[in-house]
Amino acid sequence: MCGLQGNDREHLNDLSGVRRVEVDLVAGRVNVDYDADVIALAEVKAALEGAGYGVKGC
């Protein structure tokens, strides 16, 4: 993963329960701060994978 495009980041931020999305282009990582009582990790992963990004280390 080399970075989220603007629309992808906005889509994640729009998900109920997602508090913050941080993108580290140099490291090729995305950190998502979310409320597990509102949204499941599987839903966050599905949103990333649906945007065409690989998910690992979760």
C-alpha atoms as a PDB file:
ATOM      1  CA  MET A   1       0.000   0.000   0.000  1.00  0.00           C
ATOM      2  CA  CYS A   2       1.561   3.302  -0.988  1.00  0.00           C
ATOM      3  CA  GLY A   3      -1.089   5.661   0.356  1.00  0.00           C
ATOM      4  CA  LEU A   4      -4.745   6.418   0.369  1.00  0.00           C
ATOM      5  CA  GLN A   5      -6.089   8.785  -2.211  1.00  0.00           C
ATOM      6  CA  GLY A   6      -8.216  11.665  -0.939  1.00  0.00           C
ATOM      7  CA  ASN A   7     -11.565  10.041  -1.716  1.00  0.00           C
ATOM      8  CA  ASP A   8     -10.539   6.791  -0.020  1.00  0.00           C
ATOM      9  CA  ARG A   9      -9.461   8.623   3.131  1.00  0.00           C
ATOM     10  CA  GLU A  10     -12.720  10.596   3.168  1.00  0.00           C
ATOM     11  CA  HIS A  11     -14.681   7.367   2.745  1.00  0.00           C
ATOM     12  CA  LEU A  12     -12.975   5.864   5.811  1.00  0.00           C
ATOM     13  CA  ASN A  13     -13.492   9.052   7.818  1.00  0.00           C
ATOM     14  CA  ASP A  14     -17.180   8.960   6.896  1.00  0.00           C
ATOM     15  CA  LEU A  15     -17.658   5.482   8.374  1.00  0.00           C
ATOM     16  CA  SER A  16     -19.542   5.646  11.641  1.00  0.00           C
ATOM     17  CA  GLY A  17     -17.120   4.870  14.454  1.00  0.00           C
ATOM     18  CA  VAL A  18     -13.942   5.915  12.636  1.00  0.00           C
ATOM     19  CA  ARG A  19     -12.332   8.704  14.622  1.00  0.00           C
ATOM     20  CA  ARG A  20      -9.171   9.397  12.639  1.00  0.00           C
ATOM     21  CA  VAL A  21      -7.215   8.130   9.632  1.00  0.00           C
ATOM     22  CA  GLU A  22      -3.463   8.791   9.500  1.00  0.00           C
ATOM     23  CA  VAL A  23      -1.474   8.030   6.367  1.00  0.00           C
ATOM     24  CA  ASP A  24       2.302   7.522   6.383  1.00  0.00           C
ATOM     25  CA  LEU A  25       3.300   7.555   2.717  1.00  0.00           C
ATOM     26  CA  VAL A  26       6.968   6.893   3.442  1.00  0.00           C
ATOM     27  CA  ALA A  27       6.255   3.738   5.448  1.00  0.00           C
ATOM     28  CA  GLY A  28       3.290   2.740   3.271  1.00  0.00           C
ATOM     29  CA  ARG A  29       1.015   2.501   6.289  1.00  0.00           C
ATOM     30  CA  VAL A  30      -2.387   3.686   7.325  1.00  0.00           C
ATOM     31  CA  ASN A  31      -3.432   3.905  10.972  1.00  0.00           C
ATOM     32  CA  VAL A  32      -7.129   3.977  11.694  1.00  0.00           C
ATOM     33  CA  ASP A  33      -8.402   5.031  15.119  1.00  0.00           C
ATOM     34  CA  TYR A  34     -11.918   3.667  15.571  1.00  0.00           C
ATOM     35  CA  ASP A  35     -14.508   2.918  18.237  1.00  0.00           C
ATOM     36  CA  ALA A  36     -14.861  -0.871  18.405  1.00  0.00           C
ATOM     37  CA  ASP A  37     -18.270  -0.447  20.046  1.00  0.00           C
ATOM     38  CA  VAL A  38     -19.524   1.239  16.868  1.00  0.00           C
ATOM     39  CA  ILE A  39     -17.625  -0.428  14.010  1.00  0.00           C
ATOM     40  CA  ALA A  40     -15.891  -3.798  13.851  1.00  0.00           C
ATOM     41  CA  LEU A  41     -12.302  -4.238  12.727  1.00  0.00           C
ATOM     42  CA  ALA A  42     -13.607  -6.484   9.946  1.00  0.00           C
ATOM     43  CA  GLU A  43     -15.633  -3.543   8.581  1.00  0.00           C
ATOM     44  CA  VAL A  44     -12.583  -1.265   8.607  1.00  0.00           C
ATOM     45  CA  LYS A  45     -10.546  -3.950   6.827  1.00  0.00           C
ATOM     46  CA  ALA A  46     -13.324  -4.472   4.277  1.00  0.00           C
ATOM     47  CA  ALA A  47     -13.428  -0.742   3.529  1.00  0.00           C
ATOM     48  CA  LEU A  48      -9.663  -0.668   2.928  1.00  0.00           C
ATOM     49  CA  GLU A  49      -9.724  -3.805   0.811  1.00  0.00           C
ATOM     50  CA  GLY A  50     -12.740  -2.495  -1.106  1.00  0.00           C
ATOM     51  CA  ALA A  51     -10.682   0.557  -2.011  1.00  0.00           C
ATOM     52  CA  GLY A  52      -8.000  -1.762  -3.387  1.00  0.00           C
ATOM     53  CA  TYR A  53      -5.499  -1.718  -0.518  1.00  0.00           C
ATOM     54  CA  GLY A  54      -3.902  -4.695   1.160  1.00  0.00           C
ATOM     55  CA  VAL A  55      -4.412  -5.188   4.883  1.00  0.00           C
ATOM     56  CA  LYS A  56      -1.900  -6.925   7.113  1.00  0.00           C
ATOM     57  CA  GLY A  57      -0.665  -6.768  10.670  1.00  0.00           C
ATOM     58  CA  CYS A  58      -4.045  -6.172  12.252  1.00  0.00           C
END
